[in-house]
Amino acid sequence: MSEPALFDALRQALWVAVLMASPLLVVALIAGVTIGLLQALTSVQEMTLTFVPKVGAMLLAFWVSMSFMTTTLTAFFVDGIIPRIEGH
């Protein structure tokens, strides 16, 4: 495999990683900002109040976006990686 082909495969892999991580990161950001606002407004500084809802929201987001992640990763391997392996 030539260097440009390798760099192209790595670029595509990084883009797929960003696409797969984005739903979880967006949900974590929204949950963190919302909980931080609620804590600032109510002056409640409980550690479990920040941790448990974030983890619950991320688990729910992971469960909802699992099919998207699987489809994205499968398409990357079927369209991008396997043809390069077979072409060699």
Protein backbone atom coordinates (compact mmCIF):
# COMPACT_ATOMS: atom_id res chain seq x y z
CA MET A 1 0.00 0.00 0.00
CA SER A 2 1.40 3.38 -0.97
CA GLU A 3 1.72 6.27 1.44
CA PRO A 4 -1.13 8.36 -0.04
CA ALA A 5 -3.48 5.37 0.11
CA LEU A 6 -2.50 4.72 3.73
CA PHE A 7 -3.01 8.37 4.68
CA ASP A 8 -6.38 8.37 2.92
CA ALA A 9 -7.46 5.27 4.85
CA LEU A 10 -6.32 6.86 8.12
CA ARG A 11 -8.18 10.07 7.30
CA GLN A 12 -11.35 8.12 6.58
CA ALA A 13 -10.91 6.12 9.81
CA LEU A 14 -10.55 9.29 11.86
CA TRP A 15 -13.64 10.77 10.24
CA VAL A 16 -15.62 7.60 11.03
CA ALA A 17 -14.41 7.79 14.64
CA VAL A 18 -15.59 11.40 14.88
CA LEU A 19 -18.98 10.49 13.39
CA MET A 20 -19.42 7.58 15.78
CA ALA A 21 -18.42 9.55 18.87
CA SER A 22 -20.43 12.69 18.08
CA PRO A 23 -23.84 11.54 19.42
CA LEU A 24 -22.36 10.59 22.79
CA LEU A 25 -20.28 13.75 23.03
CA VAL A 26 -23.21 16.01 22.15
CA VAL A 27 -25.42 14.34 24.76
CA ALA A 28 -22.66 14.59 27.39
CA LEU A 29 -22.19 18.29 26.58
CA ILE A 30 -25.91 19.07 26.78
CA ALA A 31 -26.36 17.07 29.99
CA GLY A 32 -23.30 18.69 31.60
CA VAL A 33 -24.37 22.22 30.75
CA THR A 34 -27.95 21.60 31.88
CA ILE A 35 -26.90 20.05 35.18
CA GLY A 36 -24.32 22.77 35.75
CA LEU A 37 -26.98 25.43 35.18
CA LEU A 38 -29.37 23.72 37.57
CA GLN A 39 -26.65 23.45 40.20
CA ALA A 40 -25.74 27.11 39.80
CA LEU A 41 -29.38 28.19 40.03
CA THR A 42 -30.21 26.07 43.08
CA SER A 43 -26.81 26.15 44.84
CA VAL A 44 -26.93 22.37 45.25
CA GLN A 45 -23.39 21.00 44.96
CA GLU A 46 -23.95 17.26 45.14
CA MET A 47 -21.41 15.10 43.27
CA THR A 48 -23.84 12.29 42.46
CA LEU A 49 -26.19 14.84 40.93
CA THR A 50 -23.65 15.50 38.20
CA PHE A 51 -22.46 11.94 37.63
CA VAL A 52 -25.61 9.80 37.58
CA PRO A 53 -27.71 11.83 35.11
CA LYS A 54 -24.76 12.21 32.71
CA VAL A 55 -24.06 8.49 32.72
CA GLY A 56 -27.75 7.72 32.29
CA ALA A 57 -28.08 10.15 29.40
CA MET A 58 -24.98 8.76 27.71
CA LEU A 59 -26.19 5.17 28.10
CA LEU A 60 -29.53 6.15 26.57
CA ALA A 61 -27.79 7.98 23.72
CA PHE A 62 -25.54 4.98 23.12
CA TRP A 63 -28.53 2.65 23.03
CA VAL A 64 -30.41 4.92 20.61
CA SER A 65 -27.43 5.53 18.30
CA MET A 66 -26.10 1.96 18.29
CA SER A 67 -27.62 1.17 14.89
CA PHE A 68 -26.13 4.36 13.40
CA MET A 69 -22.70 3.48 14.79
CA THR A 70 -22.91 -0.10 13.51
CA THR A 71 -24.04 1.02 10.07
CA THR A 72 -21.28 3.64 9.84
CA LEU A 73 -18.54 1.23 10.90
CA THR A 74 -19.79 -1.55 8.64
CA ALA A 75 -19.97 0.82 5.66
CA PHE A 76 -16.42 2.00 6.35
CA PHE A 77 -15.07 -1.54 6.35
CA VAL A 78 -17.14 -2.79 3.40
CA ASP A 79 -16.54 0.26 1.19
CA GLY A 80 -13.11 1.38 2.35
CA ILE A 81 -11.00 -1.30 3.96
CA ILE A 82 -12.02 -4.62 2.42
CA PRO A 83 -11.57 -3.46 -1.21
CA ARG A 84 -8.04 -2.31 -0.35
CA ILE A 85 -7.25 -5.68 1.21
CA GLU A 86 -8.68 -7.61 -1.73
CA GLY A 87 -6.98 -5.34 -4.24
CA HIS A 88 -3.57 -6.17 -2.85
